[in-house]
Amino acid sequence: MGVFADAPETTGNAVSSGEIIEISPLKVKAALIPGGEFQMGSAETGSGDEKPQHRVILSDFYLSITEVTIGQYKEFCRQTGKSMPRQEDYAKDNYPVAFVTWYEAQEFCQWAGGSLPTEAQWEYAARAGGKPIVYPNGNEITHDHANFEGVGERDRWKKSAPVGKFPPSVLGLYDMAGNIYEWCYDNYKSDYYSVSTTKNPKGPATGMFRVLRGGSWYHGKEAMRTTYRFRFMPVARVGFVGFRVAWEPGTITVPRPVNE
């Protein structure tokens, strides 16, 4: 289906980095991530599947500024007749939806006119446009910056938190570290980086697992790193796994930014 942003007045695709638009059908807020070239992966630290560091070139894309919420997923189910996965008793509509399989997450994204972000798109956005930073907020991270294992400082949630409770990145993205792990489009293979294509890579053609990124409330600081890779079977339903949406600029009509 085609996707149109919420306002009738359009400006083509001339939205600059840091400006936020709303994309129908659920008025999902999204930020433009200007494309570019970066070195994906880790050169020295990190696990073996983060190596080798390799050159990647990405086109512009939009990324939802928060993880998809329970309220948004409920509305998707209402409009499509899908079944709503059971959520934690404490979780309200402004919490990230969890317990969704990779297939359900991708179906939501396609219904919204987009897709799950590729692993390269996710890392590039988390690294503020491919900068060599360890965490989405910089080179240090505390419970003032993200919801991860334990509590303290700004982080008072033992499990997931409502979206957007921690400071955004310089690109206007919330919870790129912690809260819940996020499904990516790609199949996972530990040695994929050694054979990755350079331009807009989408991962290996086949694989038993799908990639997850970003860490969660259940995981420690190591998993918050921008290059850290995780994986699950795509049929898995897990209480610390959700997703966000990516769109190609050519698939949407861009309105005046909501932060004008």
C-alpha atoms as a PDB file:
ATOM      1  CA  MET A   1       0.000   0.000   0.000  1.00  0.00           C
ATOM      2  CA  GLY A   2       1.109   3.560  -0.527  1.00  0.00           C
ATOM      3  CA  VAL A   3       1.873   5.706   2.480  1.00  0.00           C
ATOM      4  CA  PHE A   4       1.216   9.394   2.747  1.00  0.00           C
ATOM      5  CA  ALA A   5       2.287  11.758   5.448  1.00  0.00           C
ATOM      6  CA  ASP A   6      -0.431  13.454   7.403  1.00  0.00           C
ATOM      7  CA  ALA A   7      -0.598  16.950   5.921  1.00  0.00           C
ATOM      8  CA  PRO A   8      -1.892  17.772   2.414  1.00  0.00           C
ATOM      9  CA  GLU A   9       0.762  20.436   1.829  1.00  0.00           C
ATOM     10  CA  THR A  10       3.947  18.798   0.569  1.00  0.00           C
ATOM     11  CA  THR A  11       7.534  19.896   0.154  1.00  0.00           C
ATOM     12  CA  GLY A  12       8.749  17.005  -1.994  1.00  0.00           C
ATOM     13  CA  ASN A  13      11.376  15.134  -0.014  1.00  0.00           C
ATOM     14  CA  ALA A  14      13.117  18.279   1.215  1.00  0.00           C
ATOM     15  CA  VAL A  15      13.090  17.475   4.897  1.00  0.00           C
ATOM     16  CA  SER A  16      16.423  17.991   6.599  1.00  0.00           C
ATOM     17  CA  SER A  17      18.100  15.956   9.300  1.00  0.00           C
ATOM     18  CA  GLY A  18      16.552  16.557  12.700  1.00  0.00           C
ATOM     19  CA  GLU A  19      13.113  17.473  11.350  1.00  0.00           C
ATOM     20  CA  ILE A  20      10.310  15.107  12.287  1.00  0.00           C
ATOM     21  CA  ILE A  21       7.348  14.173  10.087  1.00  0.00           C
ATOM     22  CA  GLU A  22       4.269  12.068  10.756  1.00  0.00           C
ATOM     23  CA  ILE A  23       3.626   9.124   8.452  1.00  0.00           C
ATOM     24  CA  SER A  24       0.144   7.667   8.071  1.00  0.00           C
ATOM     25  CA  PRO A  25      -1.815   5.466   8.635  1.00  0.00           C
ATOM     26  CA  LEU A  26      -0.948   5.795  12.337  1.00  0.00           C
ATOM     27  CA  LYS A  27       0.811   9.175  12.295  1.00  0.00           C
ATOM     28  CA  VAL A  28       4.065   7.476  13.227  1.00  0.00           C
ATOM     29  CA  LYS A  29       6.706  10.128  13.868  1.00  0.00           C
ATOM     30  CA  ALA A  30       9.814   9.603  11.773  1.00  0.00           C
ATOM     31  CA  ALA A  31      13.156  11.342  11.260  1.00  0.00           C
ATOM     32  CA  LEU A  32      15.036  11.683   7.999  1.00  0.00           C
ATOM     33  CA  ILE A  33      18.393   9.907   8.196  1.00  0.00           C
ATOM     34  CA  PRO A  34      20.555  11.388   5.408  1.00  0.00           C
ATOM     35  CA  GLY A  35      22.515   8.675   3.644  1.00  0.00           C
ATOM     36  CA  GLY A  36      26.268   8.456   3.480  1.00  0.00           C
ATOM     37  CA  GLU A  37      29.329   6.258   3.792  1.00  0.00           C
ATOM     38  CA  PHE A  38      30.640   4.718   7.005  1.00  0.00           C
ATOM     39  CA  GLN A  39      32.769   1.914   8.382  1.00  0.00           C
ATOM     40  CA  MET A  40      30.300  -0.656   9.729  1.00  0.00           C
ATOM     41  CA  GLY A  41      31.283  -2.959  12.550  1.00  0.00           C
ATOM     42  CA  SER A  42      34.113  -2.893  15.058  1.00  0.00           C
ATOM     43  CA  ALA A  43      37.797  -2.608  14.198  1.00  0.00           C
ATOM     44  CA  GLU A  44      39.269  -3.739  17.523  1.00  0.00           C
ATOM     45  CA  THR A  45      36.842  -4.290  20.400  1.00  0.00           C
ATOM     46  CA  GLY A  46      33.712  -6.403  20.255  1.00  0.00           C
ATOM     47  CA  SER A  47      32.806  -9.929  19.256  1.00  0.00           C
ATOM     48  CA  GLY A  48      34.011 -11.789  16.208  1.00  0.00           C
ATOM     49  CA  ASP A  49      30.719 -11.291  14.375  1.00  0.00           C
ATOM     50  CA  GLU A  50      31.296  -7.507  14.484  1.00  0.00           C
ATOM     51  CA  LYS A  51      34.352  -7.935  12.257  1.00  0.00           C
ATOM     52  CA  PRO A  52      35.797  -7.143   9.862  1.00  0.00           C
ATOM     53  CA  GLN A  53      34.936  -3.478   9.853  1.00  0.00           C
ATOM     54  CA  HIS A  54      33.851  -2.746   6.307  1.00  0.00           C
ATOM     55  CA  ARG A  55      32.754   0.101   4.055  1.00  0.00           C
ATOM     56  CA  VAL A  56      29.012   0.618   3.597  1.00  0.00           C
ATOM     57  CA  ILE A  57      27.161   3.260   1.566  1.00  0.00           C
ATOM     58  CA  LEU A  58      23.521   3.978   2.394  1.00  0.00           C
ATOM     59  CA  SER A  59      20.817   5.983   0.664  1.00  0.00           C
ATOM     60  CA  ASP A  60      18.573   8.376   2.590  1.00  0.00           C
ATOM     61  CA  PHE A  61      15.847   6.769   4.693  1.00  0.00           C
ATOM     62  CA  TYR A  62      13.299   7.627   7.338  1.00  0.00           C
ATOM     63  CA  LEU A  63      13.224   5.884  10.704  1.00  0.00           C
ATOM     64  CA  SER A  64      10.487   5.983  13.327  1.00  0.00           C
ATOM     65  CA  ILE A  65      11.784   8.017  16.245  1.00  0.00           C
ATOM     66  CA  THR A  66      10.491   5.508  18.806  1.00  0.00           C
ATOM     67  CA  GLU A  67       9.883   1.816  18.942  1.00  0.00           C
ATOM     68  CA  VAL A  68       6.386   0.842  17.778  1.00  0.00           C
ATOM     69  CA  THR A  69       4.057   1.126  20.749  1.00  0.00           C
ATOM     70  CA  ILE A  70       1.382  -1.179  22.105  1.00  0.00           C
ATOM     71  CA  GLY A  71      -1.227   1.415  21.173  1.00  0.00           C
ATOM     72  CA  GLN A  72      -0.033   1.571  17.561  1.00  0.00           C
ATOM     73  CA  TYR A  73       0.049  -2.201  17.282  1.00  0.00           C
ATOM     74  CA  LYS A  74      -3.456  -2.477  18.763  1.00  0.00           C
ATOM     75  CA  GLU A  75      -4.743  -0.116  16.072  1.00  0.00           C
ATOM     76  CA  PHE A  76      -2.983  -2.164  13.382  1.00  0.00           C
ATOM     77  CA  CYS A  77      -4.721  -5.281  14.719  1.00  0.00           C
ATOM     78  CA  ARG A  78      -8.062  -3.485  14.825  1.00  0.00           C
ATOM     79  CA  GLN A  79      -7.775  -2.348  11.222  1.00  0.00           C
ATOM     80  CA  THR A  80      -6.453  -5.642   9.846  1.00  0.00           C
ATOM     81  CA  GLY A  81      -8.222  -8.242  11.995  1.00  0.00           C
ATOM     82  CA  LYS A  82      -4.923  -9.597  13.322  1.00  0.00           C
ATOM     83  CA  SER A  83      -4.588 -10.970  16.841  1.00  0.00           C
ATOM     84  CA  MET A  84      -2.932  -8.786  19.471  1.00  0.00           C
ATOM     85  CA  PRO A  85      -0.097 -10.628  21.239  1.00  0.00           C
ATOM     86  CA  ARG A  86      -0.477 -10.670  24.991  1.00  0.00           C
ATOM     87  CA  GLN A  87       1.646  -7.998  26.672  1.00  0.00           C
ATOM     88  CA  GLU A  88       2.982  -7.579  30.199  1.00  0.00           C
ATOM     89  CA  ASP A  89       0.243  -6.625  32.669  1.00  0.00           C
ATOM     90  CA  TYR A  90       2.008  -3.387  33.598  1.00  0.00           C
ATOM     91  CA  ALA A  91       2.517  -2.217  30.007  1.00  0.00           C
ATOM     92  CA  LYS A  92       0.225   0.567  28.785  1.00  0.00           C
ATOM     93  CA  ASP A  93      -0.376   1.842  25.259  1.00  0.00           C
ATOM     94  CA  ASN A  94       2.692   4.104  25.362  1.00  0.00           C
ATOM     95  CA  TYR A  95       5.055   1.194  26.063  1.00  0.00           C
ATOM     96  CA  PRO A  96       6.882  -0.582  23.216  1.00  0.00           C
ATOM     97  CA  VAL A  97       5.036  -3.581  21.856  1.00  0.00           C
ATOM     98  CA  ALA A  98       6.839  -6.855  22.643  1.00  0.00           C
ATOM     99  CA  PHE A  99       6.211 -10.573  22.106  1.00  0.00           C
ATOM    100  CA  VAL A 100       6.000 -10.019  18.334  1.00  0.00           C
ATOM    101  CA  THR A 101       7.676 -12.402  15.896  1.00  0.00           C
ATOM    102  CA  TRP A 102       9.904 -11.104  13.112  1.00  0.00           C
ATOM    103  CA  TYR A 103       7.136 -11.949  10.649  1.00  0.00           C
ATOM    104  CA  GLU A 104       4.534  -9.945  12.574  1.00  0.00           C
ATOM    105  CA  ALA A 105       6.887  -6.993  12.899  1.00  0.00           C
ATOM    106  CA  GLN A 106       7.642  -6.994   9.173  1.00  0.00           C
ATOM    107  CA  GLU A 107       3.930  -7.312   8.371  1.00  0.00           C
ATOM    108  CA  PHE A 108       3.188  -4.228  10.478  1.00  0.00           C
ATOM    109  CA  CYS A 109       5.975  -2.316   8.721  1.00  0.00           C
ATOM    110  CA  GLN A 110       4.713  -3.287   5.269  1.00  0.00           C
ATOM    111  CA  TRP A 111       1.159  -2.292   6.224  1.00  0.00           C
ATOM    112  CA  ALA A 112       2.593   1.086   7.246  1.00  0.00           C
ATOM    113  CA  GLY A 113       4.306   1.368   3.857  1.00  0.00           C
ATOM    114  CA  GLY A 114       7.808   0.607   5.066  1.00  0.00           C
ATOM    115  CA  SER A 115       9.988  -2.239   6.257  1.00  0.00           C
ATOM    116  CA  LEU A 116      12.047  -3.269   9.197  1.00  0.00           C
ATOM    117  CA  PRO A 117      15.330  -1.334   9.013  1.00  0.00           C
ATOM    118  CA  THR A 118      18.264  -3.222   7.621  1.00  0.00           C
ATOM    119  CA  GLU A 119      21.065  -3.947  10.043  1.00  0.00           C
ATOM    120  CA  ALA A 120      23.233  -1.389   8.235  1.00  0.00           C
ATOM    121  CA  GLN A 121      20.515   1.279   8.450  1.00  0.00           C
ATOM    122  CA  TRP A 122      20.030   0.561  12.142  1.00  0.00           C
ATOM    123  CA  GLU A 123      23.729   0.827  12.984  1.00  0.00           C
ATOM    124  CA  TYR A 124      24.241   3.930  10.850  1.00  0.00           C
ATOM    125  CA  ALA A 125      21.313   5.672  12.583  1.00  0.00           C
ATOM    126  CA  ALA A 126      22.436   4.535  16.050  1.00  0.00           C
ATOM    127  CA  ARG A 127      25.874   5.953  15.324  1.00  0.00           C
ATOM    128  CA  ALA A 128      24.417   9.374  14.423  1.00  0.00           C
ATOM    129  CA  GLY A 129      25.156   8.955  10.729  1.00  0.00           C
ATOM    130  CA  GLY A 130      28.011   6.474  11.014  1.00  0.00           C
ATOM    131  CA  LYS A 131      30.154   8.322  13.562  1.00  0.00           C
ATOM    132  CA  PRO A 132      32.699   6.202  15.505  1.00  0.00           C
ATOM    133  CA  ILE A 133      30.758   6.328  18.781  1.00  0.00           C
ATOM    134  CA  VAL A 134      30.427   3.427  21.197  1.00  0.00           C
ATOM    135  CA  TYR A 135      26.826   4.116  22.269  1.00  0.00           C
ATOM    136  CA  PRO A 136      24.023   6.067  20.574  1.00  0.00           C
ATOM    137  CA  ASN A 137      24.556   8.977  23.000  1.00  0.00           C
ATOM    138  CA  GLY A 138      28.380   8.992  22.801  1.00  0.00           C
ATOM    139  CA  ASN A 139      31.258   7.006  24.278  1.00  0.00           C
ATOM    140  CA  GLU A 140      29.834   6.537  27.778  1.00  0.00           C
ATOM    141  CA  ILE A 141      26.419   5.338  28.885  1.00  0.00           C
ATOM    142  CA  THR A 142      24.630   5.370  32.236  1.00  0.00           C
ATOM    143  CA  HIS A 143      21.088   4.847  33.472  1.00  0.00           C
ATOM    144  CA  ASP A 144      20.520   8.519  32.732  1.00  0.00           C
ATOM    145  CA  HIS A 145      20.824   7.667  29.026  1.00  0.00           C
ATOM    146  CA  ALA A 146      19.018   4.347  28.653  1.00  0.00           C
ATOM    147  CA  ASN A 147      16.904   1.639  30.255  1.00  0.00           C
ATOM    148  CA  PHE A 148      19.097  -1.422  30.695  1.00  0.00           C
ATOM    149  CA  GLU A 149      19.905  -4.056  33.331  1.00  0.00           C
ATOM    150  CA  GLY A 150      19.255  -2.706  36.822  1.00  0.00           C
ATOM    151  CA  VAL A 151      17.847   0.666  37.852  1.00  0.00           C
ATOM    152  CA  GLY A 152      19.197   4.029  38.954  1.00  0.00           C
ATOM    153  CA  GLU A 153      19.385   7.681  37.967  1.00  0.00           C
ATOM    154  CA  ARG A 154      16.691   8.417  35.351  1.00  0.00           C
ATOM    155  CA  ASP A 155      16.040   4.680  34.878  1.00  0.00           C
ATOM    156  CA  ARG A 156      13.426   3.571  37.411  1.00  0.00           C
ATOM    157  CA  TRP A 157      11.919   0.742  35.335  1.00  0.00           C
ATOM    158  CA  LYS A 158      12.774  -2.868  36.181  1.00  0.00           C
ATOM    159  CA  LYS A 159      11.486  -3.959  32.784  1.00  0.00           C
ATOM    160  CA  SER A 160      10.464  -1.922  29.739  1.00  0.00           C
ATOM    161  CA  ALA A 161       9.730   1.788  30.012  1.00  0.00           C
ATOM    162  CA  PRO A 162       7.290   3.962  28.085  1.00  0.00           C
ATOM    163  CA  VAL A 163       8.917   5.078  24.837  1.00  0.00           C
ATOM    164  CA  GLY A 164      10.756   8.377  24.800  1.00  0.00           C
ATOM    165  CA  LYS A 165      11.604   8.629  28.509  1.00  0.00           C
ATOM    166  CA  PHE A 166      15.322   9.091  27.905  1.00  0.00           C
ATOM    167  CA  PRO A 167      17.082  11.862  25.944  1.00  0.00           C
ATOM    168  CA  PRO A 168      17.033  11.463  22.147  1.00  0.00           C
ATOM    169  CA  SER A 169      20.103  11.076  19.982  1.00  0.00           C
ATOM    170  CA  VAL A 170      21.342  13.950  17.833  1.00  0.00           C
ATOM    171  CA  LEU A 171      19.143  12.571  15.024  1.00  0.00           C
ATOM    172  CA  GLY A 172      16.045  12.774  17.231  1.00  0.00           C
ATOM    173  CA  LEU A 173      15.793   9.021  17.842  1.00  0.00           C
ATOM    174  CA  TYR A 174      14.740   7.592  21.206  1.00  0.00           C
ATOM    175  CA  ASP A 175      15.745   4.320  22.883  1.00  0.00           C
ATOM    176  CA  MET A 176      18.266   3.216  20.271  1.00  0.00           C
ATOM    177  CA  ALA A 177      20.053   1.729  23.289  1.00  0.00           C
ATOM    178  CA  GLY A 178      18.060  -0.317  25.758  1.00  0.00           C
ATOM    179  CA  ASN A 179      14.359  -0.641  26.529  1.00  0.00           C
ATOM    180  CA  ILE A 180      13.761  -3.484  24.069  1.00  0.00           C
ATOM    181  CA  TYR A 181      15.793  -5.214  21.398  1.00  0.00           C
ATOM    182  CA  GLU A 182      14.682  -4.339  17.869  1.00  0.00           C
ATOM    183  CA  TRP A 183      14.170  -6.724  14.970  1.00  0.00           C
ATOM    184  CA  CYS A 184      16.111  -5.843  11.823  1.00  0.00           C
ATOM    185  CA  TYR A 185      15.313  -6.989   8.302  1.00  0.00           C
ATOM    186  CA  ASP A 186      18.455  -9.096   7.819  1.00  0.00           C
ATOM    187  CA  ASN A 187      19.095 -12.773   8.216  1.00  0.00           C
ATOM    188  CA  TYR A 188      21.968 -13.336  10.645  1.00  0.00           C
ATOM    189  CA  LYS A 189      25.262 -15.027   9.864  1.00  0.00           C
ATOM    190  CA  SER A 190      28.288 -14.543  12.072  1.00  0.00           C
ATOM    191  CA  ASP A 191      30.675 -14.154   9.116  1.00  0.00           C
ATOM    192  CA  TYR A 192      28.482 -11.981   6.893  1.00  0.00           C
ATOM    193  CA  TYR A 193      30.660  -8.896   7.292  1.00  0.00           C
ATOM    194  CA  SER A 194      33.447 -10.588   5.345  1.00  0.00           C
ATOM    195  CA  VAL A 195      31.219 -10.865   2.251  1.00  0.00           C
ATOM    196  CA  SER A 196      28.801  -7.948   2.680  1.00  0.00           C
ATOM    197  CA  THR A 197      27.927  -5.851  -0.342  1.00  0.00           C
ATOM    198  CA  THR A 198      28.900  -2.193  -0.117  1.00  0.00           C
ATOM    199  CA  LYS A 199      25.760  -0.309  -1.176  1.00  0.00           C
ATOM    200  CA  ASN A 200      22.555  -0.683   0.850  1.00  0.00           C
ATOM    201  CA  PRO A 201      23.319  -4.224   2.103  1.00  0.00           C
ATOM    202  CA  LYS A 202      20.362  -6.332   3.223  1.00  0.00           C
ATOM    203  CA  GLY A 203      22.164  -9.236   4.808  1.00  0.00           C
ATOM    204  CA  PRO A 204      22.636 -12.828   3.656  1.00  0.00           C
ATOM    205  CA  ALA A 205      20.003 -14.407   1.428  1.00  0.00           C
ATOM    206  CA  THR A 206      19.224 -17.176   3.912  1.00  0.00           C
ATOM    207  CA  GLY A 207      19.717 -17.919   7.577  1.00  0.00           C
ATOM    208  CA  MET A 208      18.168 -19.630  10.585  1.00  0.00           C
ATOM    209  CA  PHE A 209      18.136 -16.420  12.657  1.00  0.00           C
ATOM    210  CA  ARG A 210      17.190 -12.756  12.184  1.00  0.00           C
ATOM    211  CA  VAL A 211      19.257  -9.869  13.498  1.00  0.00           C
ATOM    212  CA  LEU A 212      18.328  -7.876  16.606  1.00  0.00           C
ATOM    213  CA  ARG A 213      19.959  -4.625  17.655  1.00  0.00           C
ATOM    214  CA  GLY A 214      20.038  -2.161  20.532  1.00  0.00           C
ATOM    215  CA  GLY A 215      20.000  -4.153  23.760  1.00  0.00           C
ATOM    216  CA  SER A 216      17.128  -4.158  26.252  1.00  0.00           C
ATOM    217  CA  TRP A 217      16.048  -3.679  29.855  1.00  0.00           C
ATOM    218  CA  TYR A 218      17.173  -7.269  30.500  1.00  0.00           C
ATOM    219  CA  HIS A 219      20.721  -6.870  29.184  1.00  0.00           C
ATOM    220  CA  GLY A 220      23.876  -5.186  30.424  1.00  0.00           C
ATOM    221  CA  LYS A 221      25.951  -2.305  29.130  1.00  0.00           C
ATOM    222  CA  GLU A 222      27.862  -4.439  26.600  1.00  0.00           C
ATOM    223  CA  ALA A 223      24.685  -5.009  24.583  1.00  0.00           C
ATOM    224  CA  MET A 224      24.073  -1.241  24.376  1.00  0.00           C
ATOM    225  CA  ARG A 225      27.051  -0.764  22.032  1.00  0.00           C
ATOM    226  CA  THR A 226      26.172   0.480  18.545  1.00  0.00           C
ATOM    227  CA  THR A 227      28.029  -2.382  16.839  1.00  0.00           C
ATOM    228  CA  TYR A 228      26.761  -5.211  19.073  1.00  0.00           C
ATOM    229  CA  ARG A 229      24.867  -7.937  17.190  1.00  0.00           C
ATOM    230  CA  PHE A 230      22.217 -10.292  18.556  1.00  0.00           C
ATOM    231  CA  ARG A 231      19.881 -12.824  16.945  1.00  0.00           C
ATOM    232  CA  PHE A 232      16.786 -14.943  17.481  1.00  0.00           C
ATOM    233  CA  MET A 233      14.686 -17.358  15.494  1.00  0.00           C
ATOM    234  CA  PRO A 234      12.161 -15.243  13.545  1.00  0.00           C
ATOM    235  CA  VAL A 235       9.245 -17.112  15.151  1.00  0.00           C
ATOM    236  CA  ALA A 236      10.388 -16.214  18.678  1.00  0.00           C
ATOM    237  CA  ARG A 237       8.109 -14.240  21.003  1.00  0.00           C
ATOM    238  CA  VAL A 238      10.174 -12.559  23.685  1.00  0.00           C
ATOM    239  CA  GLY A 239       9.282  -9.985  26.317  1.00  0.00           C
ATOM    240  CA  PHE A 240      12.311  -7.832  25.547  1.00  0.00           C
ATOM    241  CA  VAL A 241      11.975  -7.790  21.738  1.00  0.00           C
ATOM    242  CA  GLY A 242      10.085  -5.275  19.600  1.00  0.00           C
ATOM    243  CA  PHE A 243      10.828  -3.140  16.544  1.00  0.00           C
ATOM    244  CA  ARG A 244      10.725   0.201  14.744  1.00  0.00           C
ATOM    245  CA  VAL A 245       9.941   1.094  11.117  1.00  0.00           C
ATOM    246  CA  ALA A 246      12.054   2.363   8.204  1.00  0.00           C
ATOM    247  CA  TRP A 247      10.808   3.967   4.982  1.00  0.00           C
ATOM    248  CA  GLU A 248      12.383   4.882   1.662  1.00  0.00           C
ATOM    249  CA  PRO A 249      11.857   8.577   0.826  1.00  0.00           C
ATOM    250  CA  GLY A 250      10.310   7.790  -2.550  1.00  0.00           C
ATOM    251  CA  THR A 251       7.456   5.837  -0.960  1.00  0.00           C
ATOM    252  CA  ILE A 252       5.982   8.724   1.035  1.00  0.00           C
ATOM    253  CA  THR A 253       4.721  12.231   0.439  1.00  0.00           C
ATOM    254  CA  VAL A 254       6.431  14.577   2.845  1.00  0.00           C
ATOM    255  CA  PRO A 255       4.404  17.252   4.696  1.00  0.00           C
ATOM    256  CA  ARG A 256       5.580  20.238   6.629  1.00  0.00           C
ATOM    257  CA  PRO A 257       7.638  18.965   9.591  1.00  0.00           C
ATOM    258  CA  VAL A 258       5.731  18.646  12.847  1.00  0.00           C
ATOM    259  CA  ASN A 259       8.428  20.613  14.682  1.00  0.00           C
ATOM    260  CA  GLU A 260       7.948  23.797  12.645  1.00  0.00           C
END
